[in-house]
C-alpha atoms as a PDB file:
ATOM      1  CA  MET A   1      14.297  -2.031  82.660  1.00  0.00           C
ATOM      2  CA  GLN A   2      17.760  -2.282  81.176  1.00  0.00           C
ATOM      3  CA  THR A   3      16.968  -5.806  79.998  1.00  0.00           C
ATOM      4  CA  THR A   4      13.870  -4.597  78.165  1.00  0.00           C
ATOM      5  CA  HIS A   5      15.830  -1.790  76.537  1.00  0.00           C
ATOM      6  CA  ALA A   6      18.539  -4.230  75.402  1.00  0.00           C
ATOM      7  CA  VAL A   7      15.943  -6.583  73.896  1.00  0.00           C
ATOM      8  CA  MET A   8      14.247  -3.738  72.005  1.00  0.00           C
ATOM      9  CA  SER A   9      17.587  -2.493  70.746  1.00  0.00           C
ATOM     10  CA  LEU A  10      18.458  -5.981  69.501  1.00  0.00           C
ATOM     11  CA  LEU A  11      15.106  -6.288  67.716  1.00  0.00           C
ATOM     12  CA  HIS A  12      15.566  -2.898  66.016  1.00  0.00           C
ATOM     13  CA  ARG A  13      19.022  -3.900  64.813  1.00  0.00           C
ATOM     14  CA  ARG A  14      17.659  -7.152  63.357  1.00  0.00           C
ATOM     15  CA  VAL A  15      14.809  -5.330  61.602  1.00  0.00           C
ATOM     16  CA  TYR A  16      17.264  -2.780  60.244  1.00  0.00           C
ATOM     17  CA  ARG A  17      19.598  -5.525  58.938  1.00  0.00           C
ATOM     18  CA  ARG A  18      16.723  -7.366  57.287  1.00  0.00           C
ATOM     19  CA  ARG A  19      15.506  -4.161  55.687  1.00  0.00           C
ATOM     20  CA  ARG A  20      18.973  -3.501  54.314  1.00  0.00           C
ATOM     21  CA  MET A  21      19.150  -7.058  52.981  1.00  0.00           C
ATOM     22  CA  LEU A  22      15.771  -6.653  51.244  1.00  0.00           C
ATOM     23  CA  ILE A  23      16.850  -3.357  49.692  1.00  0.00           C
ATOM     24  CA  LEU A  24      20.128  -4.906  48.565  1.00  0.00           C
ATOM     25  CA  ALA A  25      18.311  -7.916  47.099  1.00  0.00           C
ATOM     26  CA  TYR A  26      15.951  -5.619  45.184  1.00  0.00           C
ATOM     27  CA  MET A  27      18.887  -3.597  43.836  1.00  0.00           C
ATOM     28  CA  VAL A  28      20.635  -6.779  42.670  1.00  0.00           C
ATOM     29  CA  TYR A  29      17.425  -7.957  40.973  1.00  0.00           C
ATOM     30  CA  HIS A  30      16.842  -4.601  39.285  1.00  0.00           C
ATOM     31  CA  TYR A  31      20.421  -4.486  38.031  1.00  0.00           C
ATOM     32  CA  SER A  32      20.365  -8.019  36.647  1.00  0.00           C
ATOM     33  CA  ALA A  33      16.879  -7.701  35.117  1.00  0.00           C
ATOM     34  CA  PHE A  34      16.967  -4.197  33.645  1.00  0.00           C
ATOM     35  CA  LEU A  35      20.569  -3.009  33.479  1.00  0.00           C
ATOM     36  CA  LEU A  36      22.704  -6.100  32.999  1.00  0.00           C
ATOM     37  CA  LYS A  37      21.133  -7.120  29.671  1.00  0.00           C
ATOM     38  CA  SER A  38      22.663  -8.156  26.384  1.00  0.00           C
ATOM     39  CA  SER A  39      21.651  -5.788  23.605  1.00  0.00           C
ATOM     40  CA  LYS A  40      19.105  -7.044  21.076  1.00  0.00           C
ATOM     41  CA  ARG A  41      20.622  -4.905  18.348  1.00  0.00           C
ATOM     42  CA  VAL A  42      24.201  -6.099  17.990  1.00  0.00           C
ATOM     43  CA  SER A  43      24.869  -5.683  14.261  1.00  0.00           C
ATOM     44  CA  ILE A  44      28.159  -3.996  13.402  1.00  0.00           C
ATOM     45  CA  LEU A  45      26.243  -2.050  10.731  1.00  0.00           C
ATOM     46  CA  SER A  46      23.855   0.647  11.885  1.00  0.00           C
ATOM     47  CA  GLY A  47      20.815   1.344   9.732  1.00  0.00           C
ATOM     48  CA  ALA A  48      22.595   4.258   8.057  1.00  0.00           C
ATOM     49  CA  LEU A  49      25.694   2.162   7.274  1.00  0.00           C
ATOM     50  CA  TRP A  50      23.611  -0.701   5.910  1.00  0.00           C
ATOM     51  CA  ILE A  51      21.720   1.715   3.639  1.00  0.00           C
ATOM     52  CA  ALA A  52      25.015   3.197   2.430  1.00  0.00           C
ATOM     53  CA  GLU A  53      26.231  -0.311   1.615  1.00  0.00           C
ATOM     54  CA  ILE A  54      23.094  -1.048  -0.440  1.00  0.00           C
ATOM     55  CA  LEU A  55      23.223   2.357  -2.158  1.00  0.00           C
ATOM     56  CA  ASN A  56      26.791   1.752  -3.286  1.00  0.00           C
ATOM     57  CA  GLY A  57      26.203  -1.858  -4.246  1.00  0.00           C
ATOM     58  CA  ASN A  58      24.462  -3.746  -7.024  1.00  0.00           C
ATOM     59  CA  GLU A  59      21.481  -2.027  -8.704  1.00  0.00           C
ATOM     60  CA  ASP A  60      19.379  -5.199  -8.783  1.00  0.00           C
ATOM     61  CA  ALA A  61      20.004  -5.730  -5.074  1.00  0.00           C
ATOM     62  CA  PHE A  62      18.858  -2.169  -4.400  1.00  0.00           C
ATOM     63  CA  VAL A  63      15.637  -2.699  -6.378  1.00  0.00           C
ATOM     64  CA  GLU A  64      14.987  -5.979  -4.578  1.00  0.00           C
ATOM     65  CA  THR A  65      15.513  -4.323  -1.198  1.00  0.00           C
ATOM     66  CA  PHE A  66      13.713  -1.010  -1.670  1.00  0.00           C
ATOM     67  CA  ARG A  67      11.349  -1.795  -4.596  1.00  0.00           C
ATOM     68  CA  LEU A  68      12.558   1.015  -6.880  1.00  0.00           C
ATOM     69  CA  SER A  69      15.705   2.081  -8.705  1.00  0.00           C
ATOM     70  CA  ARG A  70      18.443   4.215  -7.182  1.00  0.00           C
ATOM     71  CA  ASP A  71      17.642   7.163  -9.463  1.00  0.00           C
ATOM     72  CA  THR A  72      13.947   7.007  -8.582  1.00  0.00           C
ATOM     73  CA  TYR A  73      14.816   6.738  -4.906  1.00  0.00           C
ATOM     74  CA  GLY A  74      16.976   9.863  -5.126  1.00  0.00           C
ATOM     75  CA  GLY A  75      14.251  11.820  -6.908  1.00  0.00           C
ATOM     76  CA  LEU A  76      11.591  10.759  -4.420  1.00  0.00           C
ATOM     77  CA  LEU A  77      13.821  11.675  -1.484  1.00  0.00           C
ATOM     78  CA  PHE A  78      14.456  15.129  -2.965  1.00  0.00           C
ATOM     79  CA  ASP A  79      10.722  15.697  -3.483  1.00  0.00           C
ATOM     80  CA  LEU A  80       9.883  14.549   0.043  1.00  0.00           C
ATOM     81  CA  VAL A  81      12.326  17.044   1.519  1.00  0.00           C
ATOM     82  CA  GLN A  82      11.429  19.945  -0.774  1.00  0.00           C
ATOM     83  CA  ARG A  83       7.660  19.488  -1.092  1.00  0.00           C
ATOM     84  CA  GLY A  84       6.714  17.008   1.604  1.00  0.00           C
ATOM     85  CA  GLY A  85       8.503  18.782   4.434  1.00  0.00           C
ATOM     86  CA  LEU A  86      10.398  15.652   5.505  1.00  0.00           C
ATOM     87  CA  ARG A  87      13.040  16.458   8.103  1.00  0.00           C
ATOM     88  CA  GLY A  88      15.623  14.306   9.786  1.00  0.00           C
ATOM     89  CA  THR A  89      16.092  13.938  13.516  1.00  0.00           C
ATOM     90  CA  ARG A  90      19.178  13.652  15.678  1.00  0.00           C
ATOM     91  CA  HIS A  91      19.552   9.938  14.991  1.00  0.00           C
ATOM     92  CA  ILE A  92      17.678   9.283  11.717  1.00  0.00           C
ATOM     93  CA  SER A  93      18.193  11.174   8.456  1.00  0.00           C
ATOM     94  CA  PRO A  94      15.495  11.672   5.772  1.00  0.00           C
ATOM     95  CA  GLN A  95      17.375   9.114   3.683  1.00  0.00           C
ATOM     96  CA  GLU A  96      17.021   6.466   6.375  1.00  0.00           C
ATOM     97  CA  GLN A  97      13.382   7.403   7.003  1.00  0.00           C
ATOM     98  CA  LEU A  98      12.516   6.733   3.363  1.00  0.00           C
ATOM     99  CA  CYS A  99      14.383   3.416   3.443  1.00  0.00           C
ATOM    100  CA  LEU A 100      12.501   2.440   6.603  1.00  0.00           C
ATOM    101  CA  PHE A 101       9.232   3.047   4.765  1.00  0.00           C
ATOM    102  CA  LEU A 102      10.193   1.241   1.562  1.00  0.00           C
ATOM    103  CA  TYR A 103      11.662  -1.770   3.364  1.00  0.00           C
ATOM    104  CA  PHE A 104       8.757  -2.149   5.788  1.00  0.00           C
ATOM    105  CA  PHE A 105       5.968  -1.945   3.209  1.00  0.00           C
ATOM    106  CA  GLY A 106       7.948  -3.557   0.406  1.00  0.00           C
ATOM    107  CA  HIS A 107       8.656  -6.714   2.399  1.00  0.00           C
ATOM    108  CA  ASN A 108       5.820  -6.680   4.933  1.00  0.00           C
ATOM    109  CA  ALA A 109       8.599  -6.813   7.517  1.00  0.00           C
ATOM    110  CA  SER A 110       7.926  -7.629  11.156  1.00  0.00           C
ATOM    111  CA  SER A 111       8.796  -5.263  13.982  1.00  0.00           C
ATOM    112  CA  THR A 112      11.602  -7.582  15.101  1.00  0.00           C
ATOM    113  CA  ASN A 113      13.055  -7.699  11.618  1.00  0.00           C
ATOM    114  CA  MET A 114      12.927  -3.897  11.327  1.00  0.00           C
ATOM    115  CA  GLN A 115      14.663  -3.436  14.680  1.00  0.00           C
ATOM    116  CA  GLN A 116      17.433  -5.862  13.769  1.00  0.00           C
ATOM    117  CA  ARG A 117      17.906  -4.443  10.294  1.00  0.00           C
ATOM    118  CA  PHE A 118      17.944  -0.734  11.179  1.00  0.00           C
ATOM    119  CA  GLN A 119      19.237  -1.010  14.761  1.00  0.00           C
ATOM    120  CA  HIS A 120      16.475   1.151  16.240  1.00  0.00           C
ATOM    121  CA  SER A 121      13.768   0.456  18.803  1.00  0.00           C
ATOM    122  CA  GLY A 122      10.255  -0.430  17.692  1.00  0.00           C
ATOM    123  CA  GLN A 123       8.920   2.848  19.059  1.00  0.00           C
ATOM    124  CA  THR A 124      11.476   4.861  17.075  1.00  0.00           C
ATOM    125  CA  ILE A 125      10.701   2.980  13.872  1.00  0.00           C
ATOM    126  CA  SER A 126       6.946   3.415  14.314  1.00  0.00           C
ATOM    127  CA  ARG A 127       7.333   7.144  14.933  1.00  0.00           C
ATOM    128  CA  HIS A 128       9.400   7.666  11.794  1.00  0.00           C
ATOM    129  CA  LEU A 129       7.079   5.555   9.655  1.00  0.00           C
ATOM    130  CA  ARG A 130       4.311   7.966  10.566  1.00  0.00           C
ATOM    131  CA  LEU A 131       6.515  10.938   9.661  1.00  0.00           C
ATOM    132  CA  ILE A 132       7.323   9.576   6.211  1.00  0.00           C
ATOM    133  CA  VAL A 133       3.690   8.644   5.516  1.00  0.00           C
ATOM    134  CA  LEU A 134       2.650  12.174   6.481  1.00  0.00           C
ATOM    135  CA  ALA A 135       5.254  13.630   4.104  1.00  0.00           C
ATOM    136  CA  LEU A 136       4.005  11.408   1.273  1.00  0.00           C
ATOM    137  CA  ARG A 137       0.439  12.526   1.949  1.00  0.00           C
ATOM    138  CA  ARG A 138       1.591  16.103   1.356  1.00  0.00           C
ATOM    139  CA  LEU A 139       2.725  15.067  -2.127  1.00  0.00           C
ATOM    140  CA  LEU A 140      -0.700  13.680  -3.031  1.00  0.00           C
ATOM    141  CA  PRO A 141      -1.981  16.856  -4.816  1.00  0.00           C
ATOM    142  CA  TYR A 142       1.117  16.815  -7.036  1.00  0.00           C
ATOM    143  CA  TYR A 143       0.896  13.193  -8.143  1.00  0.00           C
ATOM    144  CA  ILE A 144      -2.737  12.048  -7.934  1.00  0.00           C
ATOM    145  CA  ARG A 145      -4.860  14.355 -10.076  1.00  0.00           C
ATOM    146  CA  LEU A 146      -7.825  14.005 -12.408  1.00  0.00           C
ATOM    147  CA  PRO A 147      -6.962  14.421 -16.095  1.00  0.00           C
ATOM    148  CA  PRO A 148      -7.943  17.727 -17.762  1.00  0.00           C
ATOM    149  CA  GLU A 149     -11.403  17.746 -19.331  1.00  0.00           C
ATOM    150  CA  GLU A 150      -9.934  18.684 -22.711  1.00  0.00           C
ATOM    151  CA  SER A 151      -7.393  15.845 -22.724  1.00  0.00           C
ATOM    152  CA  PRO A 152      -7.588  13.718 -25.908  1.00  0.00           C
ATOM    153  CA  ALA A 153      -8.509  10.061 -25.968  1.00  0.00           C
ATOM    154  CA  HIS A 154      -5.615   7.790 -25.066  1.00  0.00           C
ATOM    155  CA  ARG A 155      -3.800   5.817 -27.755  1.00  0.00           C
ATOM    156  CA  VAL A 156      -4.915   2.598 -26.031  1.00  0.00           C
ATOM    157  CA  ILE A 157      -8.432   3.507 -27.193  1.00  0.00           C
ATOM    158  CA  THR A 158      -7.758   5.281 -30.503  1.00  0.00           C
ATOM    159  CA  THR A 159      -5.493   2.536 -31.879  1.00  0.00           C
ATOM    160  CA  ASN A 160      -7.775  -0.376 -30.999  1.00  0.00           C
ATOM    161  CA  PRO A 161     -10.937  -0.945 -33.110  1.00  0.00           C
ATOM    162  CA  LYS A 162     -12.460  -2.870 -30.208  1.00  0.00           C
ATOM    163  CA  PHE A 163     -12.554   0.351 -28.192  1.00  0.00           C
ATOM    164  CA  TYR A 164     -12.705   3.157 -30.760  1.00  0.00           C
ATOM    165  CA  PRO A 165     -14.995   4.964 -31.403  1.00  0.00           C
ATOM    166  CA  TYR A 166     -17.222   3.346 -28.782  1.00  0.00           C
ATOM    167  CA  PHE A 167     -15.192   4.575 -25.798  1.00  0.00           C
ATOM    168  CA  GLU A 168     -13.723   7.700 -27.381  1.00  0.00           C
ATOM    169  CA  ASN A 169     -14.819   9.796 -24.392  1.00  0.00           C
ATOM    170  CA  CYS A 170     -13.330   7.460 -21.814  1.00  0.00           C
ATOM    171  CA  ARG A 171     -10.400   8.953 -19.919  1.00  0.00           C
ATOM    172  CA  MET A 172     -10.066   6.661 -16.899  1.00  0.00           C
ATOM    173  CA  ALA A 173     -10.804   3.180 -15.606  1.00  0.00           C
ATOM    174  CA  LEU A 174     -12.497   2.789 -12.228  1.00  0.00           C
ATOM    175  CA  ASP A 175     -12.598  -0.184  -9.875  1.00  0.00           C
ATOM    176  CA  GLY A 176     -12.305  -1.172  -6.238  1.00  0.00           C
ATOM    177  CA  THR A 177     -10.468  -3.698  -4.124  1.00  0.00           C
ATOM    178  CA  HIS A 178     -10.366  -4.949  -0.547  1.00  0.00           C
ATOM    179  CA  ILE A 179      -7.302  -4.158   1.576  1.00  0.00           C
ATOM    180  CA  PRO A 180      -6.831  -6.169   4.802  1.00  0.00           C
ATOM    181  CA  ALA A 181      -7.375  -3.998   7.881  1.00  0.00           C
ATOM    182  CA  SER A 182      -6.854  -4.524  11.599  1.00  0.00           C
ATOM    183  CA  LYS A 183     -10.082  -2.894  12.800  1.00  0.00           C
ATOM    184  CA  THR A 184     -13.105  -5.164  13.149  1.00  0.00           C
ATOM    185  CA  ALA A 185     -16.824  -4.259  13.445  1.00  0.00           C
ATOM    186  CA  PRO A 186     -18.102  -2.904  10.082  1.00  0.00           C
ATOM    187  CA  PHE A 187     -14.757  -3.641   8.438  1.00  0.00           C
ATOM    188  CA  HIS A 188     -15.426  -7.385   8.629  1.00  0.00           C
ATOM    189  CA  ASP A 189     -16.827  -8.890   5.435  1.00  0.00           C
ATOM    190  CA  ARG A 190     -16.732 -12.252   3.639  1.00  0.00           C
ATOM    191  CA  LYS A 191     -13.041 -11.735   2.824  1.00  0.00           C
ATOM    192  CA  GLY A 192     -12.157 -11.122   6.452  1.00  0.00           C
ATOM    193  CA  VAL A 193     -11.373  -7.784   8.043  1.00  0.00           C
ATOM    194  CA  THR A 194     -10.978  -5.382   5.124  1.00  0.00           C
ATOM    195  CA  MET A 195     -11.472  -1.820   4.032  1.00  0.00           C
ATOM    196  CA  ASN A 196     -12.637  -0.826   0.572  1.00  0.00           C
ATOM    197  CA  VAL A 197     -10.366   1.140  -1.742  1.00  0.00           C
ATOM    198  CA  LEU A 198     -11.942   2.804  -4.771  1.00  0.00           C
ATOM    199  CA  ALA A 199      -9.477   4.020  -7.373  1.00  0.00           C
ATOM    200  CA  ALA A 200      -9.346   5.377 -10.905  1.00  0.00           C
ATOM    201  CA  CYS A 201      -6.349   5.348 -13.212  1.00  0.00           C
ATOM    202  CA  ASP A 202      -5.542   6.518 -16.711  1.00  0.00           C
ATOM    203  CA  PHE A 203      -4.309   4.178 -19.414  1.00  0.00           C
ATOM    204  CA  ASP A 204      -0.671   4.830 -18.530  1.00  0.00           C
ATOM    205  CA  LEU A 205      -1.394   3.049 -15.225  1.00  0.00           C
ATOM    206  CA  VAL A 206      -1.192   6.252 -13.196  1.00  0.00           C
ATOM    207  CA  PHE A 207      -3.655   6.794 -10.362  1.00  0.00           C
ATOM    208  CA  THR A 208      -5.944   9.767 -10.958  1.00  0.00           C
ATOM    209  CA  PHE A 209      -8.242   9.274  -7.962  1.00  0.00           C
ATOM    210  CA  VAL A 210      -8.037   7.196  -4.772  1.00  0.00           C
ATOM    211  CA  LEU A 211     -10.635   6.871  -2.035  1.00  0.00           C
ATOM    212  CA  ALA A 212      -9.755   4.587   0.868  1.00  0.00           C
ATOM    213  CA  GLY A 213     -11.121   3.846   4.269  1.00  0.00           C
ATOM    214  CA  TRP A 214     -14.728   2.769   4.261  1.00  0.00           C
ATOM    215  CA  GLU A 215     -15.715  -0.640   5.590  1.00  0.00           C
ATOM    216  CA  GLY A 216     -15.309  -3.735   3.473  1.00  0.00           C
ATOM    217  CA  SER A 217     -18.922  -4.816   3.938  1.00  0.00           C
ATOM    218  CA  ALA A 218     -20.110  -1.911   1.782  1.00  0.00           C
ATOM    219  CA  GLY A 219     -20.138  -4.120  -1.323  1.00  0.00           C
ATOM    220  CA  ASP A 220     -18.219  -4.154  -4.590  1.00  0.00           C
ATOM    221  CA  GLY A 221     -20.543  -3.832  -7.555  1.00  0.00           C
ATOM    222  CA  LYS A 222     -18.938  -4.305 -10.966  1.00  0.00           C
ATOM    223  CA  PRO A 223     -20.292  -2.702 -14.152  1.00  0.00           C
ATOM    224  CA  ARG A 224     -22.318  -5.099 -16.330  1.00  0.00           C
ATOM    225  CA  THR A 225     -24.575  -4.779 -19.383  1.00  0.00           C
ATOM    226  CA  LYS A 226     -27.211  -6.854 -21.089  1.00  0.00           C
ATOM    227  CA  GLU A 227     -25.051  -7.593 -24.076  1.00  0.00           C
ATOM    228  CA  GLU A 228     -22.135 -10.009 -23.817  1.00  0.00           C
ATOM    229  CA  LEU A 229     -20.053  -8.126 -26.393  1.00  0.00           C
ATOM    230  CA  PHE A 230     -20.337  -4.829 -24.552  1.00  0.00           C
ATOM    231  CA  ASN A 231     -19.574  -6.574 -21.275  1.00  0.00           C
ATOM    232  CA  LEU A 232     -16.468  -8.236 -22.717  1.00  0.00           C
ATOM    233  CA  ARG A 233     -14.998  -5.087 -24.270  1.00  0.00           C
ATOM    234  CA  HIS A 234     -15.847  -2.963 -21.292  1.00  0.00           C
ATOM    235  CA  ALA A 235     -13.973  -5.470 -19.105  1.00  0.00           C
ATOM    236  CA  GLN A 236     -11.010  -5.456 -21.480  1.00  0.00           C
ATOM    237  CA  LEU A 237     -10.806  -1.672 -21.307  1.00  0.00           C
ATOM    238  CA  ARG A 238     -11.080  -1.870 -17.527  1.00  0.00           C
ATOM    239  CA  ASN A 239      -8.179  -4.284 -17.411  1.00  0.00           C
ATOM    240  CA  CYS A 240      -5.685  -1.488 -16.737  1.00  0.00           C
ATOM    241  CA  ILE A 241      -7.148  -0.715 -13.296  1.00  0.00           C
ATOM    242  CA  GLU A 242      -7.014  -4.422 -12.445  1.00  0.00           C
ATOM    243  CA  ARG A 243      -3.343  -4.437 -13.407  1.00  0.00           C
ATOM    244  CA  ILE A 244      -2.488  -1.374 -11.360  1.00  0.00           C
ATOM    245  CA  LEU A 245      -4.766  -1.934  -8.346  1.00  0.00           C
ATOM    246  CA  PHE A 246      -4.814  -5.717  -8.084  1.00  0.00           C
ATOM    247  CA  GLY A 247      -1.418  -6.374  -9.601  1.00  0.00           C
ATOM    248  CA  ILE A 248       1.496  -3.968  -9.789  1.00  0.00           C
ATOM    249  CA  LEU A 249       0.847  -2.067  -6.560  1.00  0.00           C
ATOM    250  CA  LYS A 250       0.354  -5.211  -4.480  1.00  0.00           C
ATOM    251  CA  MET A 251       3.294  -6.926  -6.143  1.00  0.00           C
ATOM    252  CA  ARG A 252       5.611  -4.034  -5.300  1.00  0.00           C
ATOM    253  CA  PHE A 253       4.183  -3.574  -1.801  1.00  0.00           C
ATOM    254  CA  PRO A 254       2.908  -6.959  -0.547  1.00  0.00           C
ATOM    255  CA  VAL A 255       1.804  -5.381   2.726  1.00  0.00           C
ATOM    256  CA  LEU A 256      -1.387  -4.426   0.840  1.00  0.00           C
ATOM    257  CA  SER A 257      -2.277  -8.110   0.691  1.00  0.00           C
ATOM    258  CA  SER A 258      -1.908  -8.697   4.415  1.00  0.00           C
ATOM    259  CA  GLY A 259      -2.464  -5.389   6.250  1.00  0.00           C
ATOM    260  CA  VAL A 260      -0.595  -3.714   9.091  1.00  0.00           C
ATOM    261  CA  ARG A 261      -1.358  -3.521  12.799  1.00  0.00           C
ATOM    262  CA  TYR A 262      -1.875   0.211  13.087  1.00  0.00           C
ATOM    263  CA  ASP A 263      -4.896   2.380  13.727  1.00  0.00           C
ATOM    264  CA  CYS A 264      -7.412   2.706  10.899  1.00  0.00           C
ATOM    265  CA  ALA A 265      -6.550   6.329  10.059  1.00  0.00           C
ATOM    266  CA  PHE A 266      -2.900   5.398   9.562  1.00  0.00           C
ATOM    267  CA  GLN A 267      -3.846   2.438   7.361  1.00  0.00           C
ATOM    268  CA  VAL A 268      -5.806   4.781   5.096  1.00  0.00           C
ATOM    269  CA  ASP A 269      -2.811   7.125   4.910  1.00  0.00           C
ATOM    270  CA  VAL A 270      -0.567   4.167   4.056  1.00  0.00           C
ATOM    271  CA  VAL A 271      -2.717   3.241   1.039  1.00  0.00           C
ATOM    272  CA  LEU A 272      -2.609   6.825  -0.238  1.00  0.00           C
ATOM    273  CA  ALA A 273       1.139   7.085   0.402  1.00  0.00           C
ATOM    274  CA  LEU A 274       1.855   3.900  -1.554  1.00  0.00           C
ATOM    275  CA  CYS A 275      -0.277   5.171  -4.438  1.00  0.00           C
ATOM    276  CA  VAL A 276       1.805   8.361  -4.463  1.00  0.00           C
ATOM    277  CA  VAL A 277       5.005   6.290  -4.637  1.00  0.00           C
ATOM    278  CA  HIS A 278       3.549   4.233  -7.489  1.00  0.00           C
ATOM    279  CA  ASN A 279       2.631   7.356  -9.466  1.00  0.00           C
ATOM    280  CA  PHE A 280       6.049   8.880  -8.852  1.00  0.00           C
ATOM    281  CA  ILE A 281       7.661   5.771 -10.338  1.00  0.00           C
ATOM    282  CA  ARG A 282       5.342   5.742 -13.376  1.00  0.00           C
ATOM    283  CA  LEU A 283       5.662   9.468 -14.058  1.00  0.00           C
ATOM    284  CA  ARG A 284       9.442   9.157 -14.133  1.00  0.00           C
ATOM    285  CA  GLY A 285       9.052   6.873 -17.114  1.00  0.00           C
ATOM    286  CA  ILE A 286       9.678   3.555 -15.382  1.00  0.00           C
ATOM    287  CA  ARG A 287       7.820   0.956 -17.465  1.00  0.00           C
ATOM    288  CA  ASN A 288       7.680  -2.815 -17.518  1.00  0.00           C
ATOM    289  CA  ASP A 289       9.919  -3.390 -14.511  1.00  0.00           C
ATOM    290  CA  ARG A 290      10.015  -6.750 -12.760  1.00  0.00           C
ATOM    291  CA  PHE A 291       7.019  -5.952 -10.550  1.00  0.00           C
ATOM    292  CA  GLU A 292       4.888  -5.070 -13.576  1.00  0.00           C
ATOM    293  CA  GLN A 293       5.998  -8.228 -15.364  1.00  0.00           C
ATOM    294  CA  GLU A 294       5.176 -10.401 -12.350  1.00  0.00           C
ATOM    295  CA  ALA A 295       1.780  -8.711 -12.006  1.00  0.00           C
ATOM    296  CA  ASP A 296       0.999  -9.404 -15.681  1.00  0.00           C
ATOM    297  CA  VAL A 297       1.876 -13.072 -15.269  1.00  0.00           C
ATOM    298  CA  GLN A 298      -0.351 -13.309 -12.209  1.00  0.00           C
ATOM    299  CA  LEU A 299      -3.232 -11.505 -13.936  1.00  0.00           C
ATOM    300  CA  ASP A 300      -2.946 -13.740 -17.013  1.00  0.00           C
ATOM    301  CA  ALA A 301      -3.157 -16.792 -14.767  1.00  0.00           C
ATOM    302  CA  VAL A 302      -6.316 -15.415 -13.153  1.00  0.00           C
ATOM    303  CA  ASP A 303      -7.844 -14.597 -16.544  1.00  0.00           C
ATOM    304  CA  ASP A 304      -7.138 -18.124 -17.831  1.00  0.00           C
ATOM    305  CA  GLY A 305      -9.090 -19.549 -14.921  1.00  0.00           C
ATOM    306  CA  GLU A 306     -12.163 -17.400 -15.478  1.00  0.00           C
ATOM    307  CA  SER A 307     -14.808 -17.859 -18.131  1.00  0.00           C
ATOM    308  CA  ASN A 308     -16.703 -15.150 -19.958  1.00  0.00           C
ATOM    309  CA  PRO A 309     -20.216 -14.426 -18.650  1.00  0.00           C
ATOM    310  CA  PRO A 310     -22.937 -16.404 -20.441  1.00  0.00           C
ATOM    311  CA  PRO A 311     -24.878 -14.434 -23.083  1.00  0.00           C
ATOM    312  CA  ASN A 312     -28.196 -15.256 -21.445  1.00  0.00           C
ATOM    313  CA  ALA A 313     -27.203 -14.190 -17.957  1.00  0.00           C
ATOM    314  CA  LEU A 314     -29.823 -12.384 -15.947  1.00  0.00           C
ATOM    315  CA  PRO A 315     -29.756  -8.626 -16.553  1.00  0.00           C
ATOM    316  CA  PRO A 316     -28.612  -6.438 -13.707  1.00  0.00           C
ATOM    317  CA  GLU A 317     -30.744  -3.920 -11.944  1.00  0.00           C
ATOM    318  CA  GLU A 318     -31.768  -1.017 -14.195  1.00  0.00           C
ATOM    319  CA  PRO A 319     -29.586   2.091 -13.778  1.00  0.00           C
ATOM    320  CA  ASP A 320     -31.137   5.138 -12.227  1.00  0.00           C
ATOM    321  CA  ASN A 321     -29.778   7.455 -14.871  1.00  0.00           C
ATOM    322  CA  LYS A 322     -31.881   7.196 -18.037  1.00  0.00           C
ATOM    323  CA  ALA A 323     -29.335   9.082 -20.137  1.00  0.00           C
ATOM    324  CA  ALA A 324     -26.582   6.700 -19.085  1.00  0.00           C
ATOM    325  CA  LYS A 325     -28.758   3.737 -20.023  1.00  0.00           C
ATOM    326  CA  GLU A 326     -29.527   5.156 -23.468  1.00  0.00           C
ATOM    327  CA  TRP A 327     -25.864   5.953 -24.053  1.00  0.00           C
ATOM    328  CA  ARG A 328     -24.855   2.440 -23.100  1.00  0.00           C
ATOM    329  CA  ASN A 329     -27.482   0.896 -25.368  1.00  0.00           C
ATOM    330  CA  SER A 330     -26.383   3.044 -28.300  1.00  0.00           C
ATOM    331  CA  ILE A 331     -22.787   1.856 -27.878  1.00  0.00           C
ATOM    332  CA  THR A 332     -24.000  -1.743 -27.668  1.00  0.00           C
ATOM    333  CA  SER A 333     -26.019  -1.358 -30.877  1.00  0.00           C
ATOM    334  CA  ARG A 334     -23.085   0.180 -32.742  1.00  0.00           C
ATOM    335  CA  MET A 335     -20.804  -2.639 -31.612  1.00  0.00           C
ATOM    336  CA  GLY A 336     -23.317  -5.257 -32.720  1.00  0.00           C
ATOM    337  CA  ALA A 337     -23.800  -3.637 -36.129  1.00  0.00           C
ATOM    338  CA  VAL A 338     -20.067  -3.467 -36.827  1.00  0.00           C
ATOM    339  CA  GLN A 339     -19.546  -7.061 -35.764  1.00  0.00           C
ATOM    340  CA  TRP A 340     -22.444  -8.214 -37.983  1.00  0.00           C
ATOM    341  CA  GLU A 341     -21.004  -6.393 -41.007  1.00  0.00           C
ATOM    342  CA  GLN A 342     -17.609  -7.985 -40.397  1.00  0.00           C
ATOM    343  CA  GLN A 343     -19.165 -11.441 -40.290  1.00  0.00           C
ATOM    344  CA  LEU A 344     -21.066 -10.848 -43.576  1.00  0.00           C
ATOM    345  CA  SER A 345     -17.909  -9.672 -45.335  1.00  0.00           C
ATOM    346  CA  ARG A 346     -16.008 -12.870 -44.538  1.00  0.00           C
END
């Protein structure tokens, strides 16, 4: 009996020792795997210190980094706090939140790059990007508005005999583009996974209307007429929306040419937020900056590679609105008559 008890006691002690060894081994593994790690973010400059360095440095370097001037940045930050309700947190100020946004969308930066640059986790950066986009959405009614009905014709029209008086009632240019999106299904079209963005702008290249978020397979019909002259001049007048939508905005924020891996609702908000930033820059009188110049060069290169539509091209489908058709034909006739008189007088 005593022998049996001694054997059982010995077995229990061995089991107990093995259990302790297993627990100790697990603790060593947990410590080495999850606690004893070298930090990924080892820069001596925190995000706030790096931003302060850029703010106090060269103006061109600031524009290259954050895609706008220091003065414009300060004005936008003030508006976001006062009107957009942007608030800082314990670790990230409104100033750093805005820089996060501008750097991410201005450089199409990766998550790893953002974490290294601003010394924050990916989750923290993502959360604050959403906060800044939400604040910019609140500014939309202040910066994206339709022009007043009584507004006069723009000087782009009144000073150009190609456009005046034929388009004297035109106040905006309207067009659409495809923005890469991460959601598939109906958002997949011949250009890949995209969403349509329909936008209107005035002739100062300021957005007056933006509609984003429907699937890219919905089609992108462009206005055409039976007469080559009308088609050419209509396209020339429409050129401003191509500059703003296809050029300047995408040049300043290249993320619009590649898309971001966020949910669809956030991607729509991003497009609207970037349009607000663009309008803020334009309304502060910033003209012909490097992004606009680069967009013009790119657009000129595209135009040089395209030919005008042939005069005998097949007519498009008849418009549903009879009044619109008659109005268009009257403009076409007036253009043709003026051009014929000019040719006879030579």
